[in-house]
Amino acid sequence: NPGDTDIVKYLIIACLNTGRENEAATHIQGLLKTKPNDVPTLLQLARLYEKLGKPVDALDIYKKILDLSPDHKEAEEAYLRLRLETL
């Protein structure tokens, strides 16, 4: 049942542990449709986008995290690092 967030979270972990990062990203995006402002889930997606070589997508997510939580240190550091890398 896609509506059961706990099951989806376990599915994401299973995908990540078995090298299915693109599938994990799809499941994370699905979670964000029901909770678009969930910072931990956004952070997980941003990290995954970085791992998948999608710095612009990661940058957008880190920016959203900072809009929601301006004092989020990890998002701030990653955002600044990616801004420098994508210049």
PDB file of N, CA and C in Angstrom:
ATOM      1  N   ASN A   1       0.846  -1.185   0.000  1.00  0.00           N
ATOM      2  CA  ASN A   1       0.000   0.000   0.000  1.00  0.00           C
ATOM      3  C   ASN A   1       0.886   1.242   0.000  1.00  0.00           C
ATOM      4  N   PRO A   2       0.906   2.013  -1.073  1.00  0.00           N
ATOM      5  CA  PRO A   2       1.767   3.190  -1.141  1.00  0.00           C
ATOM      6  C   PRO A   2       1.446   4.241  -0.092  1.00  0.00           C
ATOM      7  N   GLY A   3       0.242   4.205   0.478  1.00  0.00           N
ATOM      8  CA  GLY A   3      -0.124   5.168   1.503  1.00  0.00           C
ATOM      9  C   GLY A   3       0.512   4.898   2.850  1.00  0.00           C
ATOM     10  N   ASP A   4       1.063   3.730   3.047  1.00  0.00           N
ATOM     11  CA  ASP A   4       1.693   3.381   4.317  1.00  0.00           C
ATOM     12  C   ASP A   4       3.140   3.866   4.298  1.00  0.00           C
ATOM     13  N   THR A   5       3.376   5.007   4.920  1.00  0.00           N
ATOM     14  CA  THR A   5       4.700   5.630   4.828  1.00  0.00           C
ATOM     15  C   THR A   5       5.800   4.785   5.459  1.00  0.00           C
ATOM     16  N   ASP A   6       5.478   4.046   6.515  1.00  0.00           N
ATOM     17  CA  ASP A   6       6.516   3.210   7.129  1.00  0.00           C
ATOM     18  C   ASP A   6       7.003   2.138   6.160  1.00  0.00           C
ATOM     19  N   ILE A   7       6.077   1.516   5.464  1.00  0.00           N
ATOM     20  CA  ILE A   7       6.456   0.492   4.487  1.00  0.00           C
ATOM     21  C   ILE A   7       7.273   1.113   3.361  1.00  0.00           C
ATOM     22  N   VAL A   8       6.856   2.288   2.906  1.00  0.00           N
ATOM     23  CA  VAL A   8       7.591   2.964   1.834  1.00  0.00           C
ATOM     24  C   VAL A   8       9.001   3.317   2.304  1.00  0.00           C
ATOM     25  N   LYS A   9       9.129   3.759   3.549  1.00  0.00           N
ATOM     26  CA  LYS A   9      10.460   4.091   4.081  1.00  0.00           C
ATOM     27  C   LYS A   9      11.353   2.853   4.127  1.00  0.00           C
ATOM     28  N   TYR A  10      10.805   1.718   4.526  1.00  0.00           N
ATOM     29  CA  TYR A  10      11.590   0.476   4.514  1.00  0.00           C
ATOM     30  C   TYR A  10      11.958   0.071   3.092  1.00  0.00           C
ATOM     31  N   LEU A  11      11.048   0.292   2.172  1.00  0.00           N
ATOM     32  CA  LEU A  11      11.315  -0.002   0.766  1.00  0.00           C
ATOM     33  C   LEU A  11      12.452   0.879   0.239  1.00  0.00           C
ATOM     34  N   ILE A  12      12.457   2.140   0.641  1.00  0.00           N
ATOM     35  CA  ILE A  12      13.537   3.055   0.245  1.00  0.00           C
ATOM     36  C   ILE A  12      14.873   2.547   0.768  1.00  0.00           C
ATOM     37  N   ILE A  13      14.899   2.153   2.029  1.00  0.00           N
ATOM     38  CA  ILE A  13      16.136   1.627   2.625  1.00  0.00           C
ATOM     39  C   ILE A  13      16.594   0.385   1.871  1.00  0.00           C
ATOM     40  N   ALA A  14      15.653  -0.502   1.559  1.00  0.00           N
ATOM     41  CA  ALA A  14      16.002  -1.719   0.815  1.00  0.00           C
ATOM     42  C   ALA A  14      16.577  -1.370  -0.552  1.00  0.00           C
ATOM     43  N   CYS A  15      15.975  -0.412  -1.221  1.00  0.00           N
ATOM     44  CA  CYS A  15      16.487   0.006  -2.538  1.00  0.00           C
ATOM     45  C   CYS A  15      17.898   0.566  -2.412  1.00  0.00           C
ATOM     46  N   LEU A  16      18.113   1.407  -1.415  1.00  0.00           N
ATOM     47  CA  LEU A  16      19.438   2.000  -1.228  1.00  0.00           C
ATOM     48  C   LEU A  16      20.481   0.940  -0.888  1.00  0.00           C
ATOM     49  N   ASN A  17      20.088  -0.040  -0.086  1.00  0.00           N
ATOM     50  CA  ASN A  17      21.029  -1.089   0.321  1.00  0.00           C
ATOM     51  C   ASN A  17      21.351  -2.074  -0.795  1.00  0.00           C
ATOM     52  N   THR A  18      20.552  -2.054  -1.843  1.00  0.00           N
ATOM     53  CA  THR A  18      20.783  -2.986  -2.950  1.00  0.00           C
ATOM     54  C   THR A  18      21.169  -2.266  -4.241  1.00  0.00           C
ATOM     55  N   GLY A  19      21.574  -1.008  -4.105  1.00  0.00           N
ATOM     56  CA  GLY A  19      22.085  -0.270  -5.257  1.00  0.00           C
ATOM     57  C   GLY A  19      21.035   0.218  -6.240  1.00  0.00           C
ATOM     58  N   ARG A  20      19.800   0.256  -5.810  1.00  0.00           N
ATOM     59  CA  ARG A  20      18.723   0.717  -6.703  1.00  0.00           C
ATOM     60  C   ARG A  20      18.353   2.165  -6.350  1.00  0.00           C
ATOM     61  N   GLU A  21      19.332   3.061  -6.546  1.00  0.00           N
ATOM     62  CA  GLU A  21      19.162   4.450  -6.142  1.00  0.00           C
ATOM     63  C   GLU A  21      18.051   5.163  -6.903  1.00  0.00           C
ATOM     64  N   ASN A  22      17.947   4.910  -8.205  1.00  0.00           N
ATOM     65  CA  ASN A  22      16.892   5.575  -8.981  1.00  0.00           C
ATOM     66  C   ASN A  22      15.503   5.175  -8.494  1.00  0.00           C
ATOM     67  N   GLU A  23      15.349   3.905  -8.162  1.00  0.00           N
ATOM     68  CA  GLU A  23      14.066   3.434  -7.627  1.00  0.00           C
ATOM     69  C   GLU A  23      13.793   4.075  -6.269  1.00  0.00           C
ATOM     70  N   ALA A  24      14.840   4.186  -5.448  1.00  0.00           N
ATOM     71  CA  ALA A  24      14.694   4.837  -4.145  1.00  0.00           C
ATOM     72  C   ALA A  24      14.241   6.284  -4.324  1.00  0.00           C
ATOM     73  N   ALA A  25      14.838   6.988  -5.284  1.00  0.00           N
ATOM     74  CA  ALA A  25      14.466   8.383  -5.542  1.00  0.00           C
ATOM     75  C   ALA A  25      12.990   8.490  -5.919  1.00  0.00           C
ATOM     76  N   THR A  26      12.515   7.549  -6.714  1.00  0.00           N
ATOM     77  CA  THR A  26      11.104   7.552  -7.110  1.00  0.00           C
ATOM     78  C   THR A  26      10.200   7.385  -5.896  1.00  0.00           C
ATOM     79  N   HIS A  27      10.567   6.487  -4.989  1.00  0.00           N
ATOM     80  CA  HIS A  27       9.766   6.272  -3.780  1.00  0.00           C
ATOM     81  C   HIS A  27       9.816   7.495  -2.862  1.00  0.00           C
ATOM     82  N   ILE A  28      10.975   8.127  -2.759  1.00  0.00           N
ATOM     83  CA  ILE A  28      11.091   9.333  -1.930  1.00  0.00           C
ATOM     84  C   ILE A  28      10.215  10.441  -2.510  1.00  0.00           C
ATOM     85  N   GLN A  29      10.241  10.601  -3.817  1.00  0.00           N
ATOM     86  CA  GLN A  29       9.388  11.607  -4.460  1.00  0.00           C
ATOM     87  C   GLN A  29       7.914  11.333  -4.171  1.00  0.00           C
ATOM     88  N   GLY A  30       7.552  10.058  -4.142  1.00  0.00           N
ATOM     89  CA  GLY A  30       6.177   9.691  -3.800  1.00  0.00           C
ATOM     90  C   GLY A  30       5.813  10.089  -2.381  1.00  0.00           C
ATOM     91  N   LEU A  31       6.736   9.869  -1.441  1.00  0.00           N
ATOM     92  CA  LEU A  31       6.497  10.290  -0.060  1.00  0.00           C
ATOM     93  C   LEU A  31       6.299  11.794   0.019  1.00  0.00           C
ATOM     94  N   LEU A  32       7.084  12.525  -0.750  1.00  0.00           N
ATOM     95  CA  LEU A  32       7.009  13.984  -0.701  1.00  0.00           C
ATOM     96  C   LEU A  32       5.716  14.525  -1.305  1.00  0.00           C
ATOM     97  N   LYS A  33       5.016  13.720  -2.080  1.00  0.00           N
ATOM     98  CA  LYS A  33       3.713  14.156  -2.597  1.00  0.00           C
ATOM     99  C   LYS A  33       2.697  14.278  -1.466  1.00  0.00           C
ATOM    100  N   THR A  34       2.840  13.434  -0.446  1.00  0.00           N
ATOM    101  CA  THR A  34       1.915  13.498   0.684  1.00  0.00           C
ATOM    102  C   THR A  34       2.419  14.416   1.787  1.00  0.00           C
ATOM    103  N   LYS A  35       3.746  14.580   1.882  1.00  0.00           N
ATOM    104  CA  LYS A  35       4.345  15.459   2.894  1.00  0.00           C
ATOM    105  C   LYS A  35       5.445  16.282   2.229  1.00  0.00           C
ATOM    106  N   PRO A  36       5.069  17.292   1.452  1.00  0.00           N
ATOM    107  CA  PRO A  36       6.065  18.022   0.656  1.00  0.00           C
ATOM    108  C   PRO A  36       7.075  18.828   1.469  1.00  0.00           C
ATOM    109  N   ASN A  37       6.772  19.083   2.731  1.00  0.00           N
ATOM    110  CA  ASN A  37       7.668  19.893   3.552  1.00  0.00           C
ATOM    111  C   ASN A  37       8.380  19.089   4.629  1.00  0.00           C
ATOM    112  N   ASP A  38       8.462  17.782   4.452  1.00  0.00           N
ATOM    113  CA  ASP A  38       9.123  16.921   5.427  1.00  0.00           C
ATOM    114  C   ASP A  38      10.636  17.029   5.240  1.00  0.00           C
ATOM    115  N   VAL A  39      11.279  17.769   6.135  1.00  0.00           N
ATOM    116  CA  VAL A  39      12.704  18.079   5.976  1.00  0.00           C
ATOM    117  C   VAL A  39      13.580  16.825   5.939  1.00  0.00           C
ATOM    118  N   PRO A  40      13.404  15.844   6.833  1.00  0.00           N
ATOM    119  CA  PRO A  40      14.261  14.653   6.740  1.00  0.00           C
ATOM    120  C   PRO A  40      14.141  13.922   5.400  1.00  0.00           C
ATOM    121  N   THR A  41      12.935  13.862   4.861  1.00  0.00           N
ATOM    122  CA  THR A  41      12.743  13.203   3.567  1.00  0.00           C
ATOM    123  C   THR A  41      13.352  14.032   2.445  1.00  0.00           C
ATOM    124  N   LEU A  42      13.190  15.344   2.517  1.00  0.00           N
ATOM    125  CA  LEU A  42      13.825  16.227   1.534  1.00  0.00           C
ATOM    126  C   LEU A  42      15.339  16.076   1.572  1.00  0.00           C
ATOM    127  N   LEU A  43      15.890  16.010   2.776  1.00  0.00           N
ATOM    128  CA  LEU A  43      17.335  15.863   2.928  1.00  0.00           C
ATOM    129  C   LEU A  43      17.812  14.543   2.324  1.00  0.00           C
ATOM    130  N   GLN A  44      17.059  13.495   2.548  1.00  0.00           N
ATOM    131  CA  GLN A  44      17.405  12.194   1.974  1.00  0.00           C
ATOM    132  C   GLN A  44      17.420  12.268   0.449  1.00  0.00           C
ATOM    133  N   LEU A  45      16.445  12.959  -0.124  1.00  0.00           N
ATOM    134  CA  LEU A  45      16.383  13.087  -1.578  1.00  0.00           C
ATOM    135  C   LEU A  45      17.538  13.939  -2.106  1.00  0.00           C
ATOM    136  N   ALA A  46      17.857  15.013  -1.418  1.00  0.00           N
ATOM    137  CA  ALA A  46      18.966  15.869  -1.855  1.00  0.00           C
ATOM    138  C   ALA A  46      20.281  15.100  -1.849  1.00  0.00           C
ATOM    139  N   ARG A  47      20.527  14.355  -0.782  1.00  0.00           N
ATOM    140  CA  ARG A  47      21.754  13.538  -0.713  1.00  0.00           C
ATOM    141  C   ARG A  47      21.790  12.520  -1.851  1.00  0.00           C
ATOM    142  N   LEU A  48      20.646  11.916  -2.120  1.00  0.00           N
ATOM    143  CA  LEU A  48      20.563  10.909  -3.174  1.00  0.00           C
ATOM    144  C   LEU A  48      20.802  11.543  -4.545  1.00  0.00           C
ATOM    145  N   TYR A  49      20.237  12.710  -4.770  1.00  0.00           N
ATOM    146  CA  TYR A  49      20.486  13.407  -6.037  1.00  0.00           C
ATOM    147  C   TYR A  49      21.976  13.687  -6.221  1.00  0.00           C
ATOM    148  N   GLU A  50      22.646  14.063  -5.132  1.00  0.00           N
ATOM    149  CA  GLU A  50      24.099  14.274  -5.233  1.00  0.00           C
ATOM    150  C   GLU A  50      24.795  12.983  -5.644  1.00  0.00           C
ATOM    151  N   LYS A  51      24.422  11.893  -4.994  1.00  0.00           N
ATOM    152  CA  LYS A  51      25.033  10.596  -5.289  1.00  0.00           C
ATOM    153  C   LYS A  51      24.778  10.178  -6.732  1.00  0.00           C
ATOM    154  N   LEU A  52      23.620  10.542  -7.258  1.00  0.00           N
ATOM    155  CA  LEU A  52      23.252  10.187  -8.628  1.00  0.00           C
ATOM    156  C   LEU A  52      23.838  11.150  -9.660  1.00  0.00           C
ATOM    157  N   GLY A  53      24.620  12.125  -9.189  1.00  0.00           N
ATOM    158  CA  GLY A  53      25.232  13.079 -10.115  1.00  0.00           C
ATOM    159  C   GLY A  53      24.253  14.103 -10.654  1.00  0.00           C
ATOM    160  N   LYS A  54      23.295  14.488  -9.821  1.00  0.00           N
ATOM    161  CA  LYS A  54      22.298  15.490 -10.208  1.00  0.00           C
ATOM    162  C   LYS A  54      22.420  16.708  -9.290  1.00  0.00           C
ATOM    163  N   PRO A  55      23.528  17.455  -9.406  1.00  0.00           N
ATOM    164  CA  PRO A  55      23.763  18.555  -8.466  1.00  0.00           C
ATOM    165  C   PRO A  55      22.724  19.671  -8.539  1.00  0.00           C
ATOM    166  N   VAL A  56      22.191  19.945  -9.714  1.00  0.00           N
ATOM    167  CA  VAL A  56      21.198  21.018  -9.834  1.00  0.00           C
ATOM    168  C   VAL A  56      19.911  20.633  -9.100  1.00  0.00           C
ATOM    169  N   ASP A  57      19.493  19.376  -9.242  1.00  0.00           N
ATOM    170  CA  ASP A  57      18.311  18.903  -8.517  1.00  0.00           C
ATOM    171  C   ASP A  57      18.555  18.929  -7.013  1.00  0.00           C
ATOM    172  N   ALA A  58      19.746  18.496  -6.600  1.00  0.00           N
ATOM    173  CA  ALA A  58      20.092  18.520  -5.177  1.00  0.00           C
ATOM    174  C   ALA A  58      20.075  19.949  -4.652  1.00  0.00           C
ATOM    175  N   LEU A  59      20.622  20.863  -5.423  1.00  0.00           N
ATOM    176  CA  LEU A  59      20.665  22.273  -5.037  1.00  0.00           C
ATOM    177  C   LEU A  59      19.254  22.815  -4.807  1.00  0.00           C
ATOM    178  N   ASP A  60      18.332  22.478  -5.687  1.00  0.00           N
ATOM    179  CA  ASP A  60      16.942  22.922  -5.532  1.00  0.00           C
ATOM    180  C   ASP A  60      16.331  22.399  -4.235  1.00  0.00           C
ATOM    181  N   ILE A  61      16.620  21.152  -3.917  1.00  0.00           N
ATOM    182  CA  ILE A  61      16.068  20.559  -2.693  1.00  0.00           C
ATOM    183  C   ILE A  61      16.699  21.193  -1.458  1.00  0.00           C
ATOM    184  N   TYR A  62      18.022  21.373  -1.468  1.00  0.00           N
ATOM    185  CA  TYR A  62      18.670  22.032  -0.324  1.00  0.00           C
ATOM    186  C   TYR A  62      18.108  23.435  -0.121  1.00  0.00           C
ATOM    187  N   LYS A  63      17.833  24.146  -1.201  1.00  0.00           N
ATOM    188  CA  LYS A  63      17.239  25.490  -1.106  1.00  0.00           C
ATOM    189  C   LYS A  63      15.870  25.407  -0.450  1.00  0.00           C
ATOM    190  N   LYS A  64      15.078  24.423  -0.833  1.00  0.00           N
ATOM    191  CA  LYS A  64      13.754  24.258  -0.224  1.00  0.00           C
ATOM    192  C   LYS A  64      13.884  23.967   1.267  1.00  0.00           C
ATOM    193  N   ILE A  65      14.853  23.119   1.630  1.00  0.00           N
ATOM    194  CA  ILE A  65      15.072  22.818   3.048  1.00  0.00           C
ATOM    195  C   ILE A  65      15.403  24.096   3.800  1.00  0.00           C
ATOM    196  N   LEU A  66      16.269  24.924   3.224  1.00  0.00           N
ATOM    197  CA  LEU A  66      16.654  26.172   3.886  1.00  0.00           C
ATOM    198  C   LEU A  66      15.487  27.155   3.963  1.00  0.00           C
ATOM    199  N   ASP A  67      14.605  27.135   2.992  1.00  0.00           N
ATOM    200  CA  ASP A  67      13.399  27.967   3.068  1.00  0.00           C
ATOM    201  C   ASP A  67      12.518  27.527   4.235  1.00  0.00           C
ATOM    202  N   LEU A  68      12.450  26.214   4.457  1.00  0.00           N
ATOM    203  CA  LEU A  68      11.627  25.662   5.536  1.00  0.00           C
ATOM    204  C   LEU A  68      12.310  25.743   6.894  1.00  0.00           C
ATOM    205  N   SER A  69      13.628  25.590   6.885  1.00  0.00           N
ATOM    206  CA  SER A  69      14.402  25.514   8.129  1.00  0.00           C
ATOM    207  C   SER A  69      15.720  26.267   7.931  1.00  0.00           C
ATOM    208  N   PRO A  70      15.690  27.599   8.054  1.00  0.00           N
ATOM    209  CA  PRO A  70      16.857  28.427   7.719  1.00  0.00           C
ATOM    210  C   PRO A  70      18.135  28.098   8.495  1.00  0.00           C
ATOM    211  N   ASP A  71      18.011  27.487   9.653  1.00  0.00           N
ATOM    212  CA  ASP A  71      19.194  27.179  10.462  1.00  0.00           C
ATOM    213  C   ASP A  71      19.704  25.756  10.259  1.00  0.00           C
ATOM    214  N   HIS A  72      19.242  25.079   9.250  1.00  0.00           N
ATOM    215  CA  HIS A  72      19.648  23.692   9.003  1.00  0.00           C
ATOM    216  C   HIS A  72      21.081  23.684   8.471  1.00  0.00           C
ATOM    217  N   LYS A  73      22.025  23.324   9.330  1.00  0.00           N
ATOM    218  CA  LYS A  73      23.456  23.434   9.005  1.00  0.00           C
ATOM    219  C   LYS A  73      23.874  22.532   7.850  1.00  0.00           C
ATOM    220  N   GLU A  74      23.448  21.280   7.873  1.00  0.00           N
ATOM    221  CA  GLU A  74      23.861  20.363   6.802  1.00  0.00           C
ATOM    222  C   GLU A  74      23.370  20.850   5.443  1.00  0.00           C
ATOM    223  N   ALA A  75      22.122  21.295   5.390  1.00  0.00           N
ATOM    224  CA  ALA A  75      21.579  21.796   4.125  1.00  0.00           C
ATOM    225  C   ALA A  75      22.308  23.060   3.687  1.00  0.00           C
ATOM    226  N   GLU A  76      22.614  23.914   4.638  1.00  0.00           N
ATOM    227  CA  GLU A  76      23.323  25.158   4.312  1.00  0.00           C
ATOM    228  C   GLU A  76      24.710  24.866   3.741  1.00  0.00           C
ATOM    229  N   GLU A  77      25.444  23.984   4.403  1.00  0.00           N
ATOM    230  CA  GLU A  77      26.792  23.644   3.932  1.00  0.00           C
ATOM    231  C   GLU A  77      26.747  22.982   2.555  1.00  0.00           C
ATOM    232  N   ALA A  78      25.808  22.063   2.365  1.00  0.00           N
ATOM    233  CA  ALA A  78      25.692  21.379   1.076  1.00  0.00           C
ATOM    234  C   ALA A  78      25.271  22.357  -0.015  1.00  0.00           C
ATOM    235  N   TYR A  79      24.355  23.257   0.318  1.00  0.00           N
ATOM    236  CA  TYR A  79      23.893  24.248  -0.654  1.00  0.00           C
ATOM    237  C   TYR A  79      25.058  25.124  -1.115  1.00  0.00           C
ATOM    238  N   LEU A  80      25.831  25.632  -0.161  1.00  0.00           N
ATOM    239  CA  LEU A  80      26.963  26.497  -0.513  1.00  0.00           C
ATOM    240  C   LEU A  80      28.011  25.734  -1.318  1.00  0.00           C
ATOM    241  N   ARG A  81      28.295  24.505  -0.914  1.00  0.00           N
ATOM    242  CA  ARG A  81      29.279  23.685  -1.632  1.00  0.00           C
ATOM    243  C   ARG A  81      28.836  23.448  -3.075  1.00  0.00           C
ATOM    244  N   LEU A  82      27.578  23.080  -3.253  1.00  0.00           N
ATOM    245  CA  LEU A  82      27.073  22.820  -4.603  1.00  0.00           C
ATOM    246  C   LEU A  82      27.012  24.090  -5.447  1.00  0.00           C
ATOM    247  N   ARG A  83      26.692  25.205  -4.819  1.00  0.00           N
ATOM    248  CA  ARG A  83      26.689  26.478  -5.561  1.00  0.00           C
ATOM    249  C   ARG A  83      28.074  26.749  -6.134  1.00  0.00           C
ATOM    250  N   LEU A  84      29.096  26.510  -5.316  1.00  0.00           N
ATOM    251  CA  LEU A  84      30.467  26.725  -5.791  1.00  0.00           C
ATOM    252  C   LEU A  84      30.834  25.730  -6.885  1.00  0.00           C
ATOM    253  N   GLU A  85      30.415  24.491  -6.727  1.00  0.00           N
ATOM    254  CA  GLU A  85      30.749  23.451  -7.707  1.00  0.00           C
ATOM    255  C   GLU A  85      30.034  23.647  -9.039  1.00  0.00           C
ATOM    256  N   THR A  86      28.872  24.281  -9.014  1.00  0.00           N
ATOM    257  CA  THR A  86      28.099  24.415 -10.248  1.00  0.00           C
ATOM    258  C   THR A  86      28.280  25.774 -10.920  1.00  0.00           C
ATOM    259  N   LEU A  87      29.222  26.559 -10.446  1.00  0.00           N
ATOM    260  CA  LEU A  87      29.486  27.863 -11.084  1.00  0.00           C
ATOM    261  C   LEU A  87      30.111  27.685 -12.442  1.00  0.00           C
TER     262      LEU A  87
END
